[in-house]
C-alpha atoms as a PDB file:
ATOM      1  CA  UNK A   1      89.058  99.819  90.886  1.00  0.00           C
ATOM      2  CA  UNK A   2      87.796 102.730  92.958  1.00  0.00           C
ATOM      3  CA  UNK A   3      89.626 103.783  96.127  1.00  0.00           C
ATOM      4  CA  UNK A   4      88.248 106.142  98.796  1.00  0.00           C
ATOM      5  CA  UNK A   5      90.128 107.866 101.614  1.00  0.00           C
ATOM      6  CA  UNK A   6      87.779 109.021 104.365  1.00  0.00           C
ATOM      7  CA  UNK A   7      87.887 111.904 106.830  1.00  0.00           C
ATOM      8  CA  UNK A   8      91.044 113.543 105.534  1.00  0.00           C
ATOM      9  CA  UNK A   9      90.146 116.810 107.280  1.00  0.00           C
ATOM     10  CA  UNK A  10      93.422 118.543 106.411  1.00  0.00           C
ATOM     11  CA  UNK A  11      93.703 117.118 102.873  1.00  0.00           C
ATOM     12  CA  UNK A  12      97.013 115.585 103.907  1.00  0.00           C
ATOM     13  CA  UNK A  13      96.858 111.960 102.693  1.00  0.00           C
ATOM     14  CA  UNK A  14      98.536 112.767  99.382  1.00  0.00           C
ATOM     15  CA  UNK A  15     101.294 114.642 101.227  1.00  0.00           C
ATOM     16  CA  UNK A  16     102.163 111.732 103.491  1.00  0.00           C
ATOM     17  CA  UNK A  17     101.954 108.935 100.887  1.00  0.00           C
ATOM     18  CA  UNK A  18     101.983 108.829  97.092  1.00  0.00           C
ATOM     19  CA  UNK A  19      98.399 107.668  96.588  1.00  0.00           C
ATOM     20  CA  UNK A  20      98.282 109.154  93.098  1.00  0.00           C
ATOM     21  CA  UNK A  21     101.166 106.939  92.010  1.00  0.00           C
ATOM     22  CA  UNK A  22      99.430 103.969  93.637  1.00  0.00           C
ATOM     23  CA  UNK A  23      96.199 104.732  91.785  1.00  0.00           C
ATOM     24  CA  UNK A  24      98.081 104.987  88.487  1.00  0.00           C
ATOM     25  CA  UNK A  25      99.882 101.707  89.173  1.00  0.00           C
ATOM     26  CA  UNK A  26      96.579  99.923  89.874  1.00  0.00           C
ATOM     27  CA  UNK A  27      94.648 101.774  87.148  1.00  0.00           C
ATOM     28  CA  UNK A  28      92.312 102.974  89.890  1.00  0.00           C
ATOM     29  CA  UNK A  29      90.222 106.072  90.530  1.00  0.00           C
ATOM     30  CA  UNK A  30      91.074 107.832  93.803  1.00  0.00           C
ATOM     31  CA  UNK A  31      88.577 109.913  95.792  1.00  0.00           C
ATOM     32  CA  UNK A  32      89.533 111.781  98.961  1.00  0.00           C
ATOM     33  CA  UNK A  33      86.744 112.875 101.308  1.00  0.00           C
ATOM     34  CA  UNK A  34      87.859 115.942 103.268  1.00  0.00           C
ATOM     35  CA  UNK A  35      84.550 116.335 105.098  1.00  0.00           C
ATOM     36  CA  UNK A  36      83.027 113.789 107.447  1.00  0.00           C
ATOM     37  CA  UNK A  37      80.192 111.960 105.691  1.00  0.00           C
ATOM     38  CA  UNK A  38      77.981 112.268 108.733  1.00  0.00           C
ATOM     39  CA  UNK A  39      76.060 109.770 110.813  1.00  0.00           C
ATOM     40  CA  UNK A  40      73.006 108.961 108.704  1.00  0.00           C
ATOM     41  CA  UNK A  41      73.481 105.391 107.525  1.00  0.00           C
ATOM     42  CA  UNK A  42      71.695 105.779 104.193  1.00  0.00           C
ATOM     43  CA  UNK A  43      73.715 108.869 103.290  1.00  0.00           C
ATOM     44  CA  UNK A  44      77.054 107.330 104.247  1.00  0.00           C
ATOM     45  CA  UNK A  45      76.334 104.003 102.563  1.00  0.00           C
ATOM     46  CA  UNK A  46      75.160 105.693  99.362  1.00  0.00           C
ATOM     47  CA  UNK A  47      78.352 107.737  99.188  1.00  0.00           C
ATOM     48  CA  UNK A  48      80.573 104.687  99.739  1.00  0.00           C
ATOM     49  CA  UNK A  49      78.640 102.163  97.630  1.00  0.00           C
ATOM     50  CA  UNK A  50      80.789 102.539  94.459  1.00  0.00           C
ATOM     51  CA  UNK A  51      84.147 101.861  96.122  1.00  0.00           C
ATOM     52  CA  UNK A  52      86.203  98.658  96.062  1.00  0.00           C
ATOM     53  CA  UNK A  53      88.761  99.893  98.619  1.00  0.00           C
ATOM     54  CA  UNK A  54      88.184 102.258 101.560  1.00  0.00           C
ATOM     55  CA  UNK A  55      90.780 103.778 103.875  1.00  0.00           C
ATOM     56  CA  UNK A  56      89.060 104.689 107.155  1.00  0.00           C
ATOM     57  CA  UNK A  57      90.542 107.095 109.699  1.00  0.00           C
ATOM     58  CA  UNK A  58      90.408 105.344 113.051  1.00  0.00           C
ATOM     59  CA  UNK A  59      86.829 104.906 114.313  1.00  0.00           C
ATOM     60  CA  UNK A  60      85.268 107.981 112.734  1.00  0.00           C
ATOM     61  CA  UNK A  61      83.124 105.980 110.301  1.00  0.00           C
ATOM     62  CA  UNK A  62      81.614 102.751 111.698  1.00  0.00           C
ATOM     63  CA  UNK A  63      81.412  99.676 109.514  1.00  0.00           C
ATOM     64  CA  UNK A  64      78.608  97.602 110.962  1.00  0.00           C
ATOM     65  CA  UNK A  65      76.948  94.463 109.653  1.00  0.00           C
ATOM     66  CA  UNK A  66      74.170  96.587 108.146  1.00  0.00           C
ATOM     67  CA  UNK A  67      76.687  98.835 106.411  1.00  0.00           C
ATOM     68  CA  UNK A  68      78.634  95.946 104.910  1.00  0.00           C
ATOM     69  CA  UNK A  69      75.355  94.684 103.462  1.00  0.00           C
ATOM     70  CA  UNK A  70      74.926  98.032 101.690  1.00  0.00           C
ATOM     71  CA  UNK A  71      78.441  98.003 100.220  1.00  0.00           C
ATOM     72  CA  UNK A  72      78.420  95.120  97.726  1.00  0.00           C
ATOM     73  CA  UNK A  73      81.476  96.443  95.839  1.00  0.00           C
ATOM     74  CA  UNK A  74      83.707  96.694  98.905  1.00  0.00           C
ATOM     75  CA  UNK A  75      86.583  94.222  98.832  1.00  0.00           C
ATOM     76  CA  UNK A  76      89.167  95.818 101.103  1.00  0.00           C
ATOM     77  CA  UNK A  77      88.926  98.074 104.152  1.00  0.00           C
ATOM     78  CA  UNK A  78      92.026  99.682 105.654  1.00  0.00           C
ATOM     79  CA  UNK A  79      91.777 101.021 109.194  1.00  0.00           C
ATOM     80  CA  UNK A  80      94.473 103.372 110.419  1.00  0.00           C
ATOM     81  CA  UNK A  81      95.809 102.213 113.770  1.00  0.00           C
ATOM     82  CA  UNK A  82      96.167  98.681 115.115  1.00  0.00           C
ATOM     83  CA  UNK A  83      92.567  98.086 116.216  1.00  0.00           C
ATOM     84  CA  UNK A  84      89.155  99.504 115.436  1.00  0.00           C
ATOM     85  CA  UNK A  85      86.160  98.810 117.643  1.00  0.00           C
ATOM     86  CA  UNK A  86      83.734 100.267 115.102  1.00  0.00           C
ATOM     87  CA  UNK A  87      84.420  97.568 112.473  1.00  0.00           C
ATOM     88  CA  UNK A  88      82.387  94.362 112.645  1.00  0.00           C
ATOM     89  CA  UNK A  89      85.130  91.945 111.627  1.00  0.00           C
ATOM     90  CA  UNK A  90      82.775  88.956 111.592  1.00  0.00           C
ATOM     91  CA  UNK A  91      80.481  90.754 109.134  1.00  0.00           C
ATOM     92  CA  UNK A  92      83.475  91.747 107.038  1.00  0.00           C
ATOM     93  CA  UNK A  93      84.453  88.092 106.797  1.00  0.00           C
ATOM     94  CA  UNK A  94      80.930  87.078 105.777  1.00  0.00           C
ATOM     95  CA  UNK A  95      81.088  89.620 102.942  1.00  0.00           C
ATOM     96  CA  UNK A  96      84.613  88.583 101.909  1.00  0.00           C
ATOM     97  CA  UNK A  97      86.070  91.976 102.790  1.00  0.00           C
ATOM     98  CA  UNK A  98      89.743  91.967 103.757  1.00  0.00           C
ATOM     99  CA  UNK A  99      90.334  94.313 106.703  1.00  0.00           C
ATOM    100  CA  UNK A 100      93.871  95.499 107.387  1.00  0.00           C
ATOM    101  CA  UNK A 101      95.450  97.786 109.948  1.00  0.00           C
ATOM    102  CA  UNK A 102      98.437 100.108 110.000  1.00  0.00           C
ATOM    103  CA  UNK A 103     101.159 100.828 112.485  1.00  0.00           C
ATOM    104  CA  UNK A 104     100.491 103.013 115.505  1.00  0.00           C
ATOM    105  CA  UNK A 105     102.671 104.827 118.029  1.00  0.00           C
ATOM    106  CA  UNK A 106     101.210 105.239 121.549  1.00  0.00           C
ATOM    107  CA  UNK A 107     103.602 108.025 122.490  1.00  0.00           C
ATOM    108  CA  UNK A 108     101.566 110.734 120.755  1.00  0.00           C
ATOM    109  CA  UNK A 109      98.485 110.038 122.878  1.00  0.00           C
ATOM    110  CA  UNK A 110     100.598 109.946 126.045  1.00  0.00           C
ATOM    111  CA  UNK A 111     102.176 113.294 125.194  1.00  0.00           C
ATOM    112  CA  UNK A 112      98.792 114.858 124.458  1.00  0.00           C
ATOM    113  CA  UNK A 113      97.389 113.543 127.723  1.00  0.00           C
ATOM    114  CA  UNK A 114     100.115 115.400 129.538  1.00  0.00           C
ATOM    115  CA  UNK A 115      99.580 118.490 127.396  1.00  0.00           C
ATOM    116  CA  UNK A 116      95.990 118.560 128.660  1.00  0.00           C
ATOM    117  CA  UNK A 117      96.975 117.821 132.254  1.00  0.00           C
ATOM    118  CA  UNK A 118      99.473 120.672 132.264  1.00  0.00           C
ATOM    119  CA  UNK A 119      97.104 123.022 130.458  1.00  0.00           C
ATOM    120  CA  UNK A 120      94.461 122.377 133.105  1.00  0.00           C
ATOM    121  CA  UNK A 121      96.837 122.491 136.069  1.00  0.00           C
ATOM    122  CA  UNK A 122      98.292 125.829 134.942  1.00  0.00           C
ATOM    123  CA  UNK A 123      94.998 127.193 133.573  1.00  0.00           C
ATOM    124  CA  UNK A 124      96.380 127.823 130.099  1.00  0.00           C
ATOM    125  CA  UNK A 125      92.785 128.014 128.874  1.00  0.00           C
ATOM    126  CA  UNK A 126      92.646 131.360 130.664  1.00  0.00           C
ATOM    127  CA  UNK A 127      96.246 132.517 130.705  1.00  0.00           C
ATOM    128  CA  UNK A 128      97.250 132.013 127.053  1.00  0.00           C
ATOM    129  CA  UNK A 129      97.344 135.286 125.165  1.00  0.00           C
ATOM    130  CA  UNK A 130      98.701 136.660 121.924  1.00  0.00           C
ATOM    131  CA  UNK A 131     101.741 138.885 122.287  1.00  0.00           C
ATOM    132  CA  UNK A 132     100.823 140.505 118.976  1.00  0.00           C
ATOM    133  CA  UNK A 133      97.442 141.712 120.230  1.00  0.00           C
ATOM    134  CA  UNK A 134      97.154 144.585 122.705  1.00  0.00           C
ATOM    135  CA  UNK A 135      95.470 143.611 125.943  1.00  0.00           C
ATOM    136  CA  UNK A 136      92.259 145.388 126.809  1.00  0.00           C
ATOM    137  CA  UNK A 137      92.003 147.204 130.086  1.00  0.00           C
ATOM    138  CA  UNK A 138      89.664 144.481 131.380  1.00  0.00           C
ATOM    139  CA  UNK A 139      92.199 141.737 130.675  1.00  0.00           C
ATOM    140  CA  UNK A 140      94.537 141.251 133.643  1.00  0.00           C
ATOM    141  CA  UNK A 141      98.142 140.227 133.145  1.00  0.00           C
ATOM    142  CA  UNK A 142      97.582 137.346 135.591  1.00  0.00           C
ATOM    143  CA  UNK A 143      94.204 136.051 136.690  1.00  0.00           C
ATOM    144  CA  UNK A 144      94.557 132.508 138.038  1.00  0.00           C
ATOM    145  CA  UNK A 145      96.656 130.398 140.373  1.00  0.00           C
ATOM    146  CA  UNK A 146      97.976 127.188 138.891  1.00  0.00           C
ATOM    147  CA  UNK A 147      98.137 123.856 140.660  1.00  0.00           C
ATOM    148  CA  UNK A 148     101.596 122.417 141.212  1.00  0.00           C
ATOM    149  CA  UNK A 149     101.766 118.696 140.473  1.00  0.00           C
ATOM    150  CA  UNK A 150     104.630 117.584 142.716  1.00  0.00           C
ATOM    151  CA  UNK A 151     103.180 115.857 145.759  1.00  0.00           C
ATOM    152  CA  UNK A 152      99.695 115.677 144.262  1.00  0.00           C
ATOM    153  CA  UNK A 153      97.891 112.425 143.467  1.00  0.00           C
ATOM    154  CA  UNK A 154      97.530 111.220 139.892  1.00  0.00           C
ATOM    155  CA  UNK A 155      94.801 108.631 139.385  1.00  0.00           C
ATOM    156  CA  UNK A 156      95.057 106.390 136.325  1.00  0.00           C
ATOM    157  CA  UNK A 157      91.907 104.525 135.318  1.00  0.00           C
ATOM    158  CA  UNK A 158      93.316 101.697 133.200  1.00  0.00           C
ATOM    159  CA  UNK A 159      96.978 100.687 133.429  1.00  0.00           C
ATOM    160  CA  UNK A 160      97.528  99.221 129.979  1.00  0.00           C
ATOM    161  CA  UNK A 161     100.019 100.359 127.359  1.00  0.00           C
ATOM    162  CA  UNK A 162      98.937 104.007 127.431  1.00  0.00           C
ATOM    163  CA  UNK A 163      97.967 104.252 131.086  1.00  0.00           C
ATOM    164  CA  UNK A 164     101.268 102.844 132.290  1.00  0.00           C
ATOM    165  CA  UNK A 165     103.222 105.333 130.162  1.00  0.00           C
ATOM    166  CA  UNK A 166     101.160 108.223 131.537  1.00  0.00           C
ATOM    167  CA  UNK A 167     101.705 106.916 135.066  1.00  0.00           C
ATOM    168  CA  UNK A 168     105.482 106.895 134.697  1.00  0.00           C
ATOM    169  CA  UNK A 169     105.478 110.553 133.654  1.00  0.00           C
ATOM    170  CA  UNK A 170     103.455 111.316 136.780  1.00  0.00           C
ATOM    171  CA  UNK A 171     106.095 109.593 138.872  1.00  0.00           C
ATOM    172  CA  UNK A 172     108.762 111.699 137.163  1.00  0.00           C
ATOM    173  CA  UNK A 173     106.828 114.821 138.223  1.00  0.00           C
ATOM    174  CA  UNK A 174     107.011 113.638 141.823  1.00  0.00           C
ATOM    175  CA  UNK A 175     103.343 112.724 142.047  1.00  0.00           C
ATOM    176  CA  UNK A 176     101.799 109.927 144.053  1.00  0.00           C
ATOM    177  CA  UNK A 177     100.338 107.673 141.360  1.00  0.00           C
ATOM    178  CA  UNK A 178      97.401 105.366 142.029  1.00  0.00           C
ATOM    179  CA  UNK A 179      95.534 103.141 139.592  1.00  0.00           C
ATOM    180  CA  UNK A 180      92.390 101.084 139.233  1.00  0.00           C
ATOM    181  CA  UNK A 181      90.516  99.015 136.664  1.00  0.00           C
ATOM    182  CA  UNK A 182      88.333  95.957 136.966  1.00  0.00           C
ATOM    183  CA  UNK A 183      91.088  93.570 135.887  1.00  0.00           C
ATOM    184  CA  UNK A 184      94.097  95.371 137.336  1.00  0.00           C
ATOM    185  CA  UNK A 185      96.239  93.208 139.627  1.00  0.00           C
ATOM    186  CA  UNK A 186      98.558  94.270 142.406  1.00  0.00           C
ATOM    187  CA  UNK A 187     101.429  92.619 140.543  1.00  0.00           C
ATOM    188  CA  UNK A 188     100.814  94.772 137.463  1.00  0.00           C
ATOM    189  CA  UNK A 189     100.545  97.951 139.554  1.00  0.00           C
ATOM    190  CA  UNK A 190     103.780  97.093 141.351  1.00  0.00           C
ATOM    191  CA  UNK A 191     105.491  96.420 138.028  1.00  0.00           C
ATOM    192  CA  UNK A 192     104.640  99.947 136.852  1.00  0.00           C
ATOM    193  CA  UNK A 193     105.541 101.425 140.236  1.00  0.00           C
ATOM    194  CA  UNK A 194     102.091 102.641 141.281  1.00  0.00           C
ATOM    195  CA  UNK A 195      99.560 101.812 144.001  1.00  0.00           C
ATOM    196  CA  UNK A 196      96.505  99.659 143.323  1.00  0.00           C
ATOM    197  CA  UNK A 197      93.393 101.191 144.910  1.00  0.00           C
ATOM    198  CA  UNK A 198      89.634 100.679 144.795  1.00  0.00           C
ATOM    199  CA  UNK A 199      87.399 102.519 142.349  1.00  0.00           C
ATOM    200  CA  UNK A 200      86.033 104.727 145.118  1.00  0.00           C
ATOM    201  CA  UNK A 201      89.514 105.654 146.356  1.00  0.00           C
ATOM    202  CA  UNK A 202      90.675 106.417 142.821  1.00  0.00           C
ATOM    203  CA  UNK A 203      87.945 109.010 142.328  1.00  0.00           C
ATOM    204  CA  UNK A 204      87.924 110.358 145.889  1.00  0.00           C
ATOM    205  CA  UNK A 205      91.660 110.956 146.310  1.00  0.00           C
ATOM    206  CA  UNK A 206      92.901 111.911 142.832  1.00  0.00           C
ATOM    207  CA  UNK A 207      93.874 115.515 142.213  1.00  0.00           C
ATOM    208  CA  UNK A 208      94.149 114.601 138.532  1.00  0.00           C
ATOM    209  CA  UNK A 209      92.258 111.583 137.202  1.00  0.00           C
ATOM    210  CA  UNK A 210      93.064 110.399 133.695  1.00  0.00           C
ATOM    211  CA  UNK A 211      91.157 107.697 131.797  1.00  0.00           C
ATOM    212  CA  UNK A 212      92.890 105.062 129.665  1.00  0.00           C
ATOM    213  CA  UNK A 213      90.379 102.277 129.082  1.00  0.00           C
ATOM    214  CA  UNK A 214      89.511 100.525 125.841  1.00  0.00           C
ATOM    215  CA  UNK A 215      85.943 101.138 124.746  1.00  0.00           C
ATOM    216  CA  UNK A 216      83.815  98.007 125.149  1.00  0.00           C
ATOM    217  CA  UNK A 217      80.340  97.056 126.295  1.00  0.00           C
ATOM    218  CA  UNK A 218      81.724  96.781 129.826  1.00  0.00           C
ATOM    219  CA  UNK A 219      83.534 100.140 129.818  1.00  0.00           C
ATOM    220  CA  UNK A 220      80.781 102.165 128.132  1.00  0.00           C
ATOM    221  CA  UNK A 221      79.384 104.600 130.707  1.00  0.00           C
ATOM    222  CA  UNK A 222      81.579 103.180 133.467  1.00  0.00           C
ATOM    223  CA  UNK A 223      82.206 106.729 134.705  1.00  0.00           C
ATOM    224  CA  UNK A 224      78.824 108.152 135.630  1.00  0.00           C
ATOM    225  CA  UNK A 225      77.162 110.398 138.175  1.00  0.00           C
ATOM    226  CA  UNK A 226      78.123 108.151 141.098  1.00  0.00           C
ATOM    227  CA  UNK A 227      81.821 108.121 140.293  1.00  0.00           C
ATOM    228  CA  UNK A 228      81.924 111.851 139.527  1.00  0.00           C
ATOM    229  CA  UNK A 229      80.210 112.612 142.843  1.00  0.00           C
ATOM    230  CA  UNK A 230      83.175 111.047 144.647  1.00  0.00           C
ATOM    231  CA  UNK A 231      85.671 113.518 143.156  1.00  0.00           C
ATOM    232  CA  UNK A 232      87.118 116.463 145.039  1.00  0.00           C
ATOM    233  CA  UNK A 233      85.802 119.855 143.887  1.00  0.00           C
ATOM    234  CA  UNK A 234      89.366 120.977 143.111  1.00  0.00           C
ATOM    235  CA  UNK A 235      90.138 117.871 141.008  1.00  0.00           C
ATOM    236  CA  UNK A 236      90.760 117.655 137.269  1.00  0.00           C
ATOM    237  CA  UNK A 237      89.297 114.918 135.036  1.00  0.00           C
ATOM    238  CA  UNK A 238      91.153 114.104 131.804  1.00  0.00           C
ATOM    239  CA  UNK A 239      89.823 111.894 129.002  1.00  0.00           C
ATOM    240  CA  UNK A 240      91.875 111.196 125.888  1.00  0.00           C
ATOM    241  CA  UNK A 241      90.556 107.644 125.547  1.00  0.00           C
ATOM    242  CA  UNK A 242      86.967 107.360 124.292  1.00  0.00           C
ATOM    243  CA  UNK A 243      84.112 109.728 125.052  1.00  0.00           C
ATOM    244  CA  UNK A 244      81.477 107.084 125.766  1.00  0.00           C
ATOM    245  CA  UNK A 245      83.450 105.749 128.709  1.00  0.00           C
ATOM    246  CA  UNK A 246      82.219 108.842 130.571  1.00  0.00           C
ATOM    247  CA  UNK A 247      78.495 109.613 130.623  1.00  0.00           C
ATOM    248  CA  UNK A 248      78.399 113.047 129.009  1.00  0.00           C
ATOM    249  CA  UNK A 249      75.189 114.287 130.711  1.00  0.00           C
ATOM    250  CA  UNK A 250      76.647 113.325 134.096  1.00  0.00           C
ATOM    251  CA  UNK A 251      79.884 115.136 133.270  1.00  0.00           C
ATOM    252  CA  UNK A 252      77.998 118.278 132.241  1.00  0.00           C
ATOM    253  CA  UNK A 253      75.994 118.217 135.474  1.00  0.00           C
ATOM    254  CA  UNK A 254      79.115 117.720 137.566  1.00  0.00           C
ATOM    255  CA  UNK A 255      80.898 120.593 135.854  1.00  0.00           C
ATOM    256  CA  UNK A 256      77.984 122.991 136.050  1.00  0.00           C
ATOM    257  CA  UNK A 257      77.537 122.206 139.751  1.00  0.00           C
ATOM    258  CA  UNK A 258      81.293 122.677 140.368  1.00  0.00           C
ATOM    259  CA  UNK A 259      81.680 119.132 141.636  1.00  0.00           C
ATOM    260  CA  UNK A 260      85.123 119.151 140.035  1.00  0.00           C
ATOM    261  CA  UNK A 261      87.432 121.955 138.996  1.00  0.00           C
ATOM    262  CA  UNK A 262      88.036 121.232 135.322  1.00  0.00           C
ATOM    263  CA  UNK A 263      87.548 118.576 132.650  1.00  0.00           C
ATOM    264  CA  UNK A 264      90.135 118.331 129.884  1.00  0.00           C
ATOM    265  CA  UNK A 265      88.922 116.170 126.995  1.00  0.00           C
ATOM    266  CA  UNK A 266      90.031 115.219 123.499  1.00  0.00           C
ATOM    267  CA  UNK A 267      87.120 112.921 122.609  1.00  0.00           C
ATOM    268  CA  UNK A 268      83.393 113.448 122.097  1.00  0.00           C
ATOM    269  CA  UNK A 269      80.230 111.393 121.585  1.00  0.00           C
ATOM    270  CA  UNK A 270      79.748 112.919 118.128  1.00  0.00           C
ATOM    271  CA  UNK A 271      82.716 114.026 116.042  1.00  0.00           C
ATOM    272  CA  UNK A 272      83.212 116.582 114.619  1.00  0.00           C
ATOM    273  CA  UNK A 273      81.504 118.250 117.552  1.00  0.00           C
ATOM    274  CA  UNK A 274      78.245 119.920 116.448  1.00  0.00           C
ATOM    275  CA  UNK A 275      78.027 123.701 116.631  1.00  0.00           C
ATOM    276  CA  UNK A 276      76.592 124.852 119.977  1.00  0.00           C
ATOM    277  CA  UNK A 277      76.898 121.362 121.464  1.00  0.00           C
ATOM    278  CA  UNK A 278      75.987 121.505 125.159  1.00  0.00           C
ATOM    279  CA  UNK A 279      79.319 120.091 126.299  1.00  0.00           C
ATOM    280  CA  UNK A 280      81.263 122.772 124.423  1.00  0.00           C
ATOM    281  CA  UNK A 281      79.352 125.445 126.354  1.00  0.00           C
ATOM    282  CA  UNK A 282      79.924 123.866 129.752  1.00  0.00           C
ATOM    283  CA  UNK A 283      81.788 125.713 132.501  1.00  0.00           C
ATOM    284  CA  UNK A 284      85.281 124.459 133.230  1.00  0.00           C
ATOM    285  CA  UNK A 285      85.862 122.574 129.982  1.00  0.00           C
ATOM    286  CA  UNK A 286      89.230 122.452 128.215  1.00  0.00           C
ATOM    287  CA  UNK A 287      88.815 120.685 124.884  1.00  0.00           C
ATOM    288  CA  UNK A 288      90.854 119.738 121.831  1.00  0.00           C
ATOM    289  CA  UNK A 289      89.366 118.270 118.615  1.00  0.00           C
ATOM    290  CA  UNK A 290      90.563 114.649 118.999  1.00  0.00           C
ATOM    291  CA  UNK A 291      94.164 115.423 118.108  1.00  0.00           C
ATOM    292  CA  UNK A 292      95.857 113.052 120.528  1.00  0.00           C
ATOM    293  CA  UNK A 293      97.161 111.011 117.596  1.00  0.00           C
ATOM    294  CA  UNK A 294      97.346 113.811 115.013  1.00  0.00           C
ATOM    295  CA  UNK A 295     101.074 114.264 114.455  1.00  0.00           C
ATOM    296  CA  UNK A 296     103.048 114.303 111.237  1.00  0.00           C
ATOM    297  CA  UNK A 297     104.924 111.175 112.302  1.00  0.00           C
ATOM    298  CA  UNK A 298     101.735 109.259 113.077  1.00  0.00           C
ATOM    299  CA  UNK A 299      99.967 110.253 109.870  1.00  0.00           C
ATOM    300  CA  UNK A 300     102.984 109.377 107.766  1.00  0.00           C
ATOM    301  CA  UNK A 301     102.829 105.895 109.271  1.00  0.00           C
ATOM    302  CA  UNK A 302      99.059 105.684 108.795  1.00  0.00           C
ATOM    303  CA  UNK A 303      99.022 106.637 105.135  1.00  0.00           C
ATOM    304  CA  UNK A 304     102.223 104.957 103.985  1.00  0.00           C
ATOM    305  CA  UNK A 305     101.139 101.705 105.599  1.00  0.00           C
ATOM    306  CA  UNK A 306      97.681 102.116 104.041  1.00  0.00           C
ATOM    307  CA  UNK A 307      99.169 102.460 100.567  1.00  0.00           C
ATOM    308  CA  UNK A 308     101.439  99.475 101.212  1.00  0.00           C
ATOM    309  CA  UNK A 309      98.458  97.411 102.394  1.00  0.00           C
ATOM    310  CA  UNK A 310      96.450  98.223  99.268  1.00  0.00           C
ATOM    311  CA  UNK A 311      99.355  97.391  96.968  1.00  0.00           C
ATOM    312  CA  UNK A 312      99.968  94.051  98.695  1.00  0.00           C
ATOM    313  CA  UNK A 313      96.260  93.149  98.601  1.00  0.00           C
ATOM    314  CA  UNK A 314      96.029  94.027  94.898  1.00  0.00           C
ATOM    315  CA  UNK A 315      98.926  91.648  94.254  1.00  0.00           C
ATOM    316  CA  UNK A 316      97.076  88.857  96.053  1.00  0.00           C
ATOM    317  CA  UNK A 317      99.143  88.812  99.249  1.00  0.00           C
ATOM    318  CA  UNK A 318      97.371  90.994 101.847  1.00  0.00           C
ATOM    319  CA  UNK A 319      99.393  92.126 104.856  1.00  0.00           C
ATOM    320  CA  UNK A 320      98.534  93.386 108.358  1.00  0.00           C
ATOM    321  CA  UNK A 321      95.192  91.588 108.196  1.00  0.00           C
ATOM    322  CA  UNK A 322      92.953  92.170 111.214  1.00  0.00           C
ATOM    323  CA  UNK A 323      91.463  89.029 112.725  1.00  0.00           C
ATOM    324  CA  UNK A 324      88.730  88.343 115.240  1.00  0.00           C
END
């Protein structure tokens, strides 16, 4: 048996779970890929072709119908997290590949959303400095005015598990919290304690607008030039959900034309973000490298559950199986 662990950027899988002991127990060869394999299908498929078991980190490496066809040895695919929109589960079933998931805690993403909101509101992108390094004469001690959140309007696009948690923190800050999504009902908004508004009102009145939609055909590109044009020039847009929900060219145009104050994002169309990517050079961008779920507690859950899934599958009793 050959087992692969993908996209272990920090070479941490072996620290969070005893994969070496698992490999010895199953008489398996273990390979850990610390670098992303890229986006060229032939290259990725060739690298993964020998493996019987693959542990995939979230949605970084898609497993499409075409890819399953190029992986004849694959028998089990473990996806960290509870769902993975980049895995074709129907194709996996056709190729007799068992797909399992791991546990997932939503609190990390909620906390990181607020880290970005606060960083943008208080302009930490400008004001952070190292106390160990002397300041140059051209570097002022203070150079910006932050935006207080109490009394401001927080707009939440998507009031599901994550969005509702983010909304409640906004209420605790004393913000007016409004929400919208295509399927959101007044009853659900009332349950969370927020106001249901129209799409236009969400974008036009929010001082901070944060996106918490699931990526789907319907949500892809749902935030485009029209929606961004409704925003106030002093507003902040936050996206810790999925990059393709927001049309990146439209966001770049809006930022460059100062149609909104700042954009704080944790997700990108291509990850890792290419060197000199246009978005990374855009005015008013605060960005983190998709670390909303990257905590020691989360990764311990990911990798220990992954090892447990592989062991159970090898014994003929797979657990946490993902279904259509």
